[in-house]
Protein backbone atom coordinates (compact mmCIF):
# COMPACT_ATOMS: atom_id res chain seq x y z
CA MET A 1 30.80 -31.93 41.19
CA PRO A 2 33.47 -29.79 42.90
CA ARG A 3 33.04 -26.06 42.97
CA PRO A 4 35.35 -24.06 40.67
CA GLY A 5 38.32 -22.50 42.37
CA ARG A 6 38.62 -18.85 43.27
CA LYS A 7 41.05 -18.14 40.43
CA THR A 8 38.81 -19.88 37.90
CA VAL A 9 35.73 -17.93 38.92
CA GLY A 10 37.65 -14.66 38.94
CA THR A 11 39.10 -15.33 35.51
CA ILE A 12 35.63 -16.09 34.11
CA VAL A 13 34.12 -12.93 35.64
CA VAL A 14 36.92 -10.69 34.40
CA ALA A 15 36.84 -12.24 30.92
CA VAL A 16 33.07 -11.76 30.61
CA LEU A 17 33.34 -8.14 31.80
CA VAL A 18 36.18 -7.35 29.39
CA LEU A 19 34.40 -8.97 26.43
CA THR A 20 31.16 -7.13 27.23
CA VAL A 21 32.70 -3.69 27.83
CA THR A 22 34.86 -3.81 24.69
CA GLY A 23 31.93 -4.99 22.54
CA THR A 24 33.72 -8.21 21.63
CA LEU A 25 30.99 -10.45 23.06
CA PRO A 26 28.18 -8.86 20.99
CA ARG A 27 30.36 -9.16 17.89
CA ILE A 28 31.00 -12.84 18.61
CA LEU A 29 27.28 -13.45 19.08
CA GLY A 30 26.56 -11.50 15.87
CA ALA A 31 29.09 -13.56 13.93
CA ALA A 32 27.55 -16.76 15.29
CA TYR A 33 24.10 -15.53 14.26
CA GLU A 34 25.32 -14.71 10.73
CA LEU A 35 26.87 -18.19 10.46
CA VAL A 36 23.62 -19.86 11.46
CA ARG A 37 21.58 -17.56 9.20
CA THR A 38 23.82 -18.34 6.22
CA GLN A 39 23.49 -22.06 6.80
CA TRP A 40 19.70 -21.82 7.02
CA GLN A 41 19.21 -19.26 4.26
CA GLY A 42 16.61 -20.42 1.78
CA VAL A 43 15.31 -23.11 4.13
CA ARG A 44 11.61 -22.67 4.87
CA LEU A 45 10.21 -24.08 8.08
CA GLU A 46 6.75 -25.40 7.44
CA ALA A 47 5.88 -25.69 11.13
CA PRO A 48 2.89 -23.65 12.37
CA GLU A 49 3.63 -20.33 14.04
CA TRP A 50 2.61 -21.61 17.48
CA VAL A 51 5.23 -24.38 17.25
CA LEU A 52 7.99 -21.89 16.40
CA LEU A 53 6.88 -19.53 19.16
CA GLY A 54 6.73 -22.43 21.63
CA ALA A 55 10.24 -23.51 20.71
CA VAL A 56 11.51 -19.97 21.29
CA LEU A 57 9.82 -19.80 24.71
CA VAL A 58 11.23 -23.19 25.71
CA ALA A 59 14.72 -22.08 24.69
CA ILE A 60 14.40 -18.86 26.65
CA SER A 61 13.09 -20.81 29.66
CA VAL A 62 16.05 -23.19 29.61
CA VAL A 63 18.51 -20.33 29.27
CA SER A 64 16.79 -18.46 32.10
CA LEU A 65 17.02 -21.56 34.33
CA LEU A 66 20.72 -22.00 33.56
CA ILE A 67 21.37 -18.31 34.21
CA LEU A 68 19.57 -18.52 37.56
CA ALA A 69 21.45 -21.65 38.63
CA GLY A 70 24.77 -20.32 37.34
CA PHE A 71 24.27 -16.96 39.06
CA VAL A 72 23.61 -18.66 42.40
CA ARG A 73 26.58 -20.96 41.87
CA LEU A 74 28.81 -18.02 41.02
CA LEU A 75 27.79 -16.01 44.06
CA THR A 76 28.43 -18.90 46.40
CA SER A 77 31.91 -19.45 44.94
CA ILE A 78 33.45 -16.01 45.45
CA GLY A 79 36.08 -16.02 48.27
CA VAL A 80 34.86 -15.49 51.79
CA VAL A 81 31.63 -13.91 50.56
CA GLY A 82 30.48 -17.11 48.87
CA PRO A 83 30.07 -19.22 52.05
CA ARG A 84 28.14 -16.39 53.72
CA ILE A 85 25.78 -16.15 50.74
CA ALA A 86 25.37 -19.92 50.74
CA ASN A 87 24.63 -19.83 54.49
CA GLY A 88 22.03 -17.11 53.92
CA ILE A 89 20.38 -19.13 51.17
CA ASP A 90 20.25 -22.16 53.47
CA ARG A 91 18.53 -20.06 56.16
CA LEU A 92 16.00 -18.66 53.68
CA ARG A 93 15.28 -22.03 52.07
CA PRO A 94 12.06 -23.50 53.50
CA ASP A 95 12.21 -26.89 55.18
CA SER A 96 9.25 -28.26 53.21
CA PRO A 97 10.16 -29.64 49.76
CA ALA A 98 6.82 -28.40 48.40
CA THR A 99 7.49 -24.87 49.68
CA SER A 100 11.03 -25.01 48.30
CA ALA A 101 9.64 -25.94 44.90
CA LEU A 102 7.16 -23.08 45.07
CA VAL A 103 9.88 -20.56 45.96
CA PHE A 104 12.09 -21.85 43.17
CA MET A 105 9.18 -21.62 40.71
CA VAL A 106 8.48 -18.01 41.68
CA ALA A 107 12.15 -17.10 41.30
CA PHE A 108 12.27 -18.93 37.97
CA VAL A 109 9.18 -17.10 36.68
CA VAL A 110 10.71 -13.75 37.66
CA VAL A 111 13.94 -14.55 35.85
CA LEU A 112 11.98 -15.92 32.88
CA PHE A 113 9.97 -12.74 32.43
CA VAL A 114 13.06 -10.60 32.77
CA GLY A 115 14.67 -12.81 30.12
CA LEU A 116 11.64 -12.45 27.85
CA ALA A 117 11.68 -8.65 28.23
CA VAL A 118 15.34 -8.59 27.21
CA ALA A 119 15.43 -11.37 24.64
CA LEU A 120 12.18 -10.99 22.68
CA PRO A 121 12.93 -7.51 21.26
CA TRP A 122 16.38 -8.72 20.19
CA PHE A 123 14.88 -11.92 18.79
CA GLY A 124 12.27 -9.99 16.81
CA ALA A 125 14.88 -7.64 15.37
CA ALA A 126 17.27 -10.49 14.55
CA LEU A 127 14.47 -12.47 12.95
CA THR A 128 13.36 -9.69 10.65
CA GLU A 129 16.66 -8.00 9.81
CA ASN A 130 18.21 -9.21 6.54
CA THR A 131 15.92 -12.24 6.37
CA GLY A 132 12.75 -13.16 4.54
CA MET A 133 10.79 -12.16 7.61
CA ASP A 134 11.36 -8.46 6.97
CA ASP A 135 9.45 -8.88 3.70
CA ILE A 136 6.60 -10.53 5.58
CA VAL A 137 6.46 -7.69 8.10
CA GLU A 138 6.45 -5.15 5.25
CA ASP A 139 3.73 -7.10 3.43
CA ILE A 140 1.59 -7.06 6.56
CA ARG A 141 2.07 -3.32 6.96
CA GLN A 142 1.32 -2.65 3.30
CA GLY A 143 -1.57 -5.09 3.47
CA ASP A 144 -3.22 -2.97 6.15
CA VAL A 145 -2.84 0.06 3.89
CA ALA A 146 -4.10 -1.88 0.86
CA ILE A 147 -7.18 -3.11 2.73
CA ALA A 148 -7.98 0.45 3.79
CA ILE A 149 -7.58 1.70 0.21
CA GLU A 150 -9.62 -1.18 -1.23
CA ASP A 151 -12.52 -0.44 1.11
CA HIS A 152 -12.61 3.19 -0.03
CA PHE A 153 -12.82 2.15 -3.72
CA ALA A 154 -15.48 -0.55 -3.30
CA ASP A 155 -18.50 1.62 -4.23
CA ASP A 156 -16.99 4.40 -6.32
CA ALA A 157 -18.63 3.41 -9.63
CA VAL A 158 -21.91 5.21 -10.43
CA ARG A 159 -23.84 3.29 -13.09
CA ARG A 160 -25.37 5.50 -15.77
CA GLY A 161 -27.99 4.90 -18.46
CA ASN A 162 -30.05 1.80 -19.16
CA GLY A 163 -27.22 -0.67 -18.62
CA THR A 164 -25.99 -0.64 -22.23
CA ASP A 165 -22.56 0.86 -22.91
CA ILE A 166 -22.59 2.77 -26.21
CA PRO A 167 -19.43 3.47 -28.25
CA ARG A 168 -18.89 7.24 -28.26
CA GLY A 169 -18.08 7.46 -31.96
CA ARG A 170 -20.90 5.34 -33.38
CA PHE A 171 -22.77 8.34 -34.81
CA TYR A 172 -19.99 9.67 -37.06
CA THR A 173 -16.81 8.57 -38.79
CA ASP A 174 -14.35 7.84 -35.99
CA GLY A 175 -11.58 5.51 -37.10
CA ASP A 176 -9.87 5.25 -33.70
CA ALA A 177 -13.14 4.99 -31.69
CA ASP A 178 -12.19 7.67 -29.15
CA GLY A 179 -15.48 9.54 -29.53
CA LEU A 180 -13.92 12.32 -31.60
CA ALA A 181 -14.85 12.45 -35.29
CA ASP A 182 -11.90 12.10 -37.63
CA GLU A 183 -12.72 15.47 -39.17
CA TRP A 184 -12.63 17.16 -35.76
CA GLU A 185 -9.23 15.67 -35.02
CA ARG A 186 -7.83 16.77 -38.36
CA THR A 187 -9.02 20.36 -37.86
CA GLY A 188 -8.13 20.40 -34.15
CA ARG A 189 -11.54 21.64 -33.02
CA THR A 190 -15.11 20.38 -32.56
CA PRO A 191 -18.05 22.02 -34.36
CA GLY A 192 -18.99 23.51 -30.98
CA GLY A 193 -15.59 25.16 -30.66
CA ALA A 194 -13.84 22.84 -28.16
CA PRO A 195 -10.10 22.82 -28.93
CA LEU A 196 -8.46 19.46 -29.62
CA PRO A 197 -4.73 20.23 -29.57
CA ASP A 198 -2.44 17.48 -30.89
CA ALA A 199 -5.37 15.23 -31.79
CA ASP A 200 -4.60 12.26 -34.03
CA PRO A 201 -7.39 10.49 -35.99
CA GLY A 202 -5.31 7.30 -35.97
CA ARG A 203 -4.72 7.16 -32.21
CA LEU A 204 -6.93 7.21 -29.12
CA ASP A 205 -7.07 10.70 -27.59
CA LEU A 206 -8.60 11.45 -24.19
CA TYR A 207 -9.15 15.09 -23.21
CA VAL A 208 -9.61 15.79 -19.52
CA GLN A 209 -10.40 18.92 -17.55
CA ILE A 210 -9.13 18.88 -13.95
CA ASP A 211 -10.92 21.00 -11.36
CA TYR A 212 -9.88 21.54 -7.75
CA GLY A 213 -11.85 22.18 -4.61
CA ASP A 214 -10.49 24.63 -2.06
CA SER A 215 -7.54 23.33 0.00
CA VAL A 216 -6.68 20.69 -2.63
CA SER A 217 -3.26 21.19 -4.17
CA ARG A 218 -2.85 21.21 -7.92
CA LEU A 219 -1.23 18.32 -9.71
CA SER A 220 2.52 18.72 -9.73
CA ASP A 221 4.54 18.62 -12.94
CA ALA A 222 5.73 15.16 -11.90
CA GLU A 223 2.14 13.93 -11.47
CA ARG A 224 1.11 15.34 -14.85
CA ALA A 225 4.07 13.56 -16.44
CA GLN A 226 3.16 10.33 -14.62
CA LEU A 227 -0.41 10.51 -15.91
CA GLY A 228 0.80 11.00 -19.47
CA ASP A 229 3.23 8.09 -19.19
CA VAL A 230 0.63 5.77 -17.61
CA TRP A 231 -1.85 6.25 -20.45
CA ALA A 232 0.79 6.29 -23.20
CA SER A 233 2.12 2.93 -21.99
CA MET A 234 -1.24 1.15 -21.91
CA PRO A 235 -1.14 -1.93 -24.19
CA VAL A 236 -3.94 -0.81 -26.49
CA GLU A 237 -3.36 -1.09 -30.24
CA ASN A 238 -4.27 1.92 -32.40
CA PRO A 239 -5.27 2.01 -36.09
CA ASP A 240 -1.99 3.74 -36.97
CA GLY A 241 0.02 0.80 -35.59
CA THR A 242 1.07 2.48 -32.36
CA SER A 243 0.00 1.48 -28.88
CA GLY A 244 -1.17 3.54 -25.94
CA ILE A 245 -3.56 6.43 -25.36
CA SER A 246 -2.71 10.12 -25.61
CA LEU A 247 -3.93 11.94 -22.50
CA HIS A 248 -4.48 15.70 -22.78
CA LEU A 249 -4.91 17.58 -19.48
CA VAL A 250 -6.33 21.05 -18.91
CA ASP A 251 -6.43 22.47 -15.40
CA SER A 252 -6.27 26.20 -15.95
CA GLY A 253 -7.83 28.93 -18.05
CA ASP A 254 -11.44 30.09 -18.28
CA SER A 255 -12.97 26.69 -17.51
CA GLY A 256 -10.49 24.40 -15.77
CA GLY A 257 -8.86 24.98 -12.43
CA THR A 258 -9.95 26.03 -8.96
CA LEU A 259 -13.64 25.89 -8.14
CA ASP A 260 -13.30 28.63 -5.49
CA ARG A 261 -15.33 26.56 -3.05
CA PRO A 262 -14.66 23.59 -0.78
CA VAL A 263 -15.72 20.21 -2.12
CA SER A 264 -16.16 17.43 0.42
CA ILE A 265 -16.95 13.87 -0.63
CA THR A 266 -19.94 12.41 1.19
CA ASP A 267 -22.37 9.57 0.52
CA ASP A 268 -24.64 11.89 -1.48
CA THR A 269 -21.91 13.51 -3.58
CA GLY A 270 -22.87 13.51 -7.26
CA ALA A 271 -20.23 12.36 -9.72
CA ASP A 272 -21.51 14.85 -12.30
CA GLN A 273 -22.45 17.75 -10.01
CA PHE A 274 -19.79 19.95 -11.61
CA TYR A 275 -20.15 18.60 -15.13
CA THR A 276 -22.24 21.42 -16.58
CA ARG A 277 -22.22 23.58 -19.69
CA GLN A 278 -21.57 26.58 -17.49
CA ARG A 279 -18.47 24.98 -16.02
CA LEU A 280 -17.00 23.33 -19.12
CA GLY A 281 -18.23 25.69 -21.83
CA ASP A 282 -17.34 24.39 -25.33
CA ARG A 283 -15.71 21.32 -23.78
CA PHE A 284 -19.05 20.01 -22.49
CA CYS A 285 -19.81 16.53 -23.87
CA THR A 286 -16.33 16.31 -25.40
CA TYR A 287 -13.89 16.50 -22.49
CA ASN A 288 -13.97 14.30 -19.44
CA GLN A 289 -13.87 16.06 -16.07
CA VAL A 290 -12.13 15.01 -12.86
CA THR A 291 -12.83 17.11 -9.77
CA LEU A 292 -10.32 16.68 -6.96
CA ALA A 293 -12.03 17.09 -3.60
CA SER A 294 -11.47 16.29 0.09
CA ALA A 295 -12.63 13.05 1.66
CA ARG A 296 -13.02 12.04 5.28
CA GLU A 297 -11.24 8.94 6.57
CA THR A 298 -14.45 6.90 6.55
CA ALA A 299 -15.83 8.33 3.31
CA PRO A 300 -15.57 6.72 -0.15
CA VAL A 301 -12.65 7.84 -2.29
CA GLY A 302 -15.16 9.45 -4.62
CA TYR A 303 -17.55 8.64 -7.43
CA ALA A 304 -17.10 8.13 -11.18
CA GLU A 305 -19.73 7.78 -13.89
CA THR A 306 -19.57 4.25 -15.30
CA PRO A 307 -19.55 4.98 -18.17
CA GLY A 308 -19.69 8.72 -18.63
CA TYR A 309 -17.63 11.86 -18.55
CA ALA A 310 -17.46 12.98 -14.93
CA SER A 311 -15.95 12.00 -11.60
CA VAL A 312 -15.32 13.54 -8.18
CA VAL A 313 -12.46 11.90 -6.31
CA ASP A 314 -10.23 12.45 -3.29
CA GLY A 315 -7.32 14.76 -4.02
CA THR A 316 -5.45 14.09 -0.79
CA GLU A 317 -1.75 13.33 -1.19
CA PHE A 318 -1.55 9.96 0.61
CA THR A 319 2.11 9.54 1.53
CA ASP A 320 1.85 5.88 2.61
CA TYR A 321 1.23 4.75 -0.97
CA GLU A 322 4.47 3.20 -2.28
CA GLY A 323 3.78 2.72 -5.98
CA ASN A 324 5.66 4.07 -9.00
CA VAL A 325 3.13 6.89 -9.29
CA SER A 326 1.39 9.03 -6.71
CA ILE A 327 -1.89 7.91 -5.17
CA ARG A 328 -3.62 10.79 -6.96
CA VAL A 329 -2.34 9.61 -10.34
CA ALA A 330 -3.57 6.09 -9.59
CA THR A 331 -6.97 7.40 -8.45
CA ILE A 332 -7.46 9.66 -11.48
CA THR A 333 -6.49 6.82 -13.83
CA HIS A 334 -8.95 4.53 -12.04
CA ALA A 335 -11.78 7.07 -12.32
CA LEU A 336 -11.13 7.84 -16.01
CA LEU A 337 -11.18 4.14 -16.85
CA HIS A 338 -14.59 3.92 -15.20
CA ASN A 339 -15.66 6.73 -17.53
CA VAL A 340 -14.36 5.34 -20.81
CA VAL A 341 -14.63 1.57 -20.28
CA GLY A 342 -17.88 1.10 -18.36
CA GLU A 343 -18.43 -2.44 -17.15
CA ILE A 344 -16.18 -5.42 -17.77
CA ASP A 345 -18.04 -8.73 -17.96
CA GLY A 346 -20.89 -7.25 -15.95
CA ARG A 347 -18.62 -5.85 -13.24
CA THR A 348 -17.49 -2.30 -12.55
CA HIS A 349 -14.02 -3.35 -11.33
CA SER A 350 -11.42 -5.69 -12.80
CA ASP A 351 -9.36 -8.35 -11.06
CA GLY A 352 -6.05 -6.55 -10.84
CA GLY A 353 -4.91 -3.59 -12.90
CA TRP A 354 -5.74 0.11 -12.79
CA LEU A 355 -9.47 -0.61 -12.63
CA ASP A 356 -8.96 -2.52 -9.40
CA TYR A 357 -8.09 -0.57 -6.22
CA PRO A 358 -4.78 1.37 -6.36
CA ALA A 359 -1.82 -0.73 -5.24
CA PRO A 360 1.75 -1.05 -6.52
CA GLU A 361 1.00 -4.50 -7.95
CA ASN A 362 -2.06 -3.11 -9.78
CA GLU A 363 -0.20 -0.45 -11.75
CA ARG A 364 -1.00 -1.99 -15.12
CA LEU A 365 -3.88 -2.35 -17.54
CA SER A 366 -5.52 -5.75 -17.16
CA ASP A 367 -6.06 -7.85 -20.29
CA PRO A 368 -9.90 -7.68 -20.23
CA VAL A 369 -9.83 -3.88 -19.98
CA ALA A 370 -7.27 -3.61 -22.80
CA ALA A 371 -9.37 -5.94 -24.97
CA ARG A 372 -12.48 -3.87 -24.29
CA LEU A 373 -10.72 -0.65 -25.32
CA GLU A 374 -9.38 -2.23 -28.52
CA THR A 375 -12.82 -3.62 -29.43
CA ASP A 376 -15.18 -0.76 -28.51
CA GLY A 377 -12.91 2.22 -27.91
CA PHE A 378 -14.33 4.75 -25.46
CA VAL A 379 -17.96 4.20 -24.46
CA THR A 380 -20.72 6.32 -22.97
CA SER A 381 -24.25 5.82 -21.68
CA SER A 382 -27.74 6.57 -22.94
CA ASP A 383 -28.10 9.01 -20.02
CA HIS A 384 -25.15 11.04 -21.24
CA LEU A 385 -26.36 11.05 -24.84
CA GLN A 386 -29.72 12.46 -23.74
CA ARG A 387 -28.01 15.14 -21.69
CA CYS A 388 -25.78 16.19 -24.59
CA THR A 389 -28.62 16.49 -27.10
CA LYS A 390 -30.72 18.81 -24.95
């Protein structure tokens, strides 16, 4: 095959330089990529990952070989310099065919690795950008976060009583089964003096006192609104024909609020260590309590009586959580469901839903948990009943 003439080589070099400097060449390659991507959009390759990776490496190897051969050919074709370069290559080329092959292989490997260093980052970006692969990468990243969160929630349920969940309102007339006598809800106060603002005897009401350890920020207005919306939207039918649960939060005043001491979650943290008459006053044995504390990276997210009235959970604002509510809202909802639902089919966690580990796809009330709430209302344990009658 005759070598290209001087004018041809010069024209090619100038054209490539002009296209590269002006950005035309990258745009042409980008347009070609978009054309190929459009043609293959929606087509799923069922080949194993190692086959796809092998095909990419083979393609890069072939391109690297062509670049190496073309670069040598180009250098030996430029005017009076070309013959001198060719003569130098001839002098450097070993006489032995085996040695020549070895030298060529070394040069090829060098060019190949340079090509990989340049091409693989571009290939990875092109593969993930605007394709289904970006979703896979995001799923992997979120999966790592989800696994970490799931591990922290694995042992957060603290079983109370003799293993039998007892409906809270079984000892008095309680039409909505929320553990508050109908008479109390009509008057807006318990016989012991605990206020029940906005109580409704025809709808499930859950009263919760929030306490904070030192260095834990209070719930924001947005988080309080999220908690109210989460419970109000739960698909639980009420005697008055409505659905949902009315959540009433108290985190200030004489009883609720800052504990004025640091609270760190460890393996021996008690879920009910702050659930005392001294701390809750008239609300004791009527309100649930959630204490927001600090947890180490390797520590559990906290502990919740299952069933019962108390929980101590991590109050850290975890920014990597990408749900519709904050991680603290998801954690508090999870803990309160432990309190009021107890076990579901002999298990402390559900498959999916709020009573599973917090994740965007779990921001819902699972059917078994909803059915349990509609059938039994809020439940408690024999341990709690004994404590409240002392």
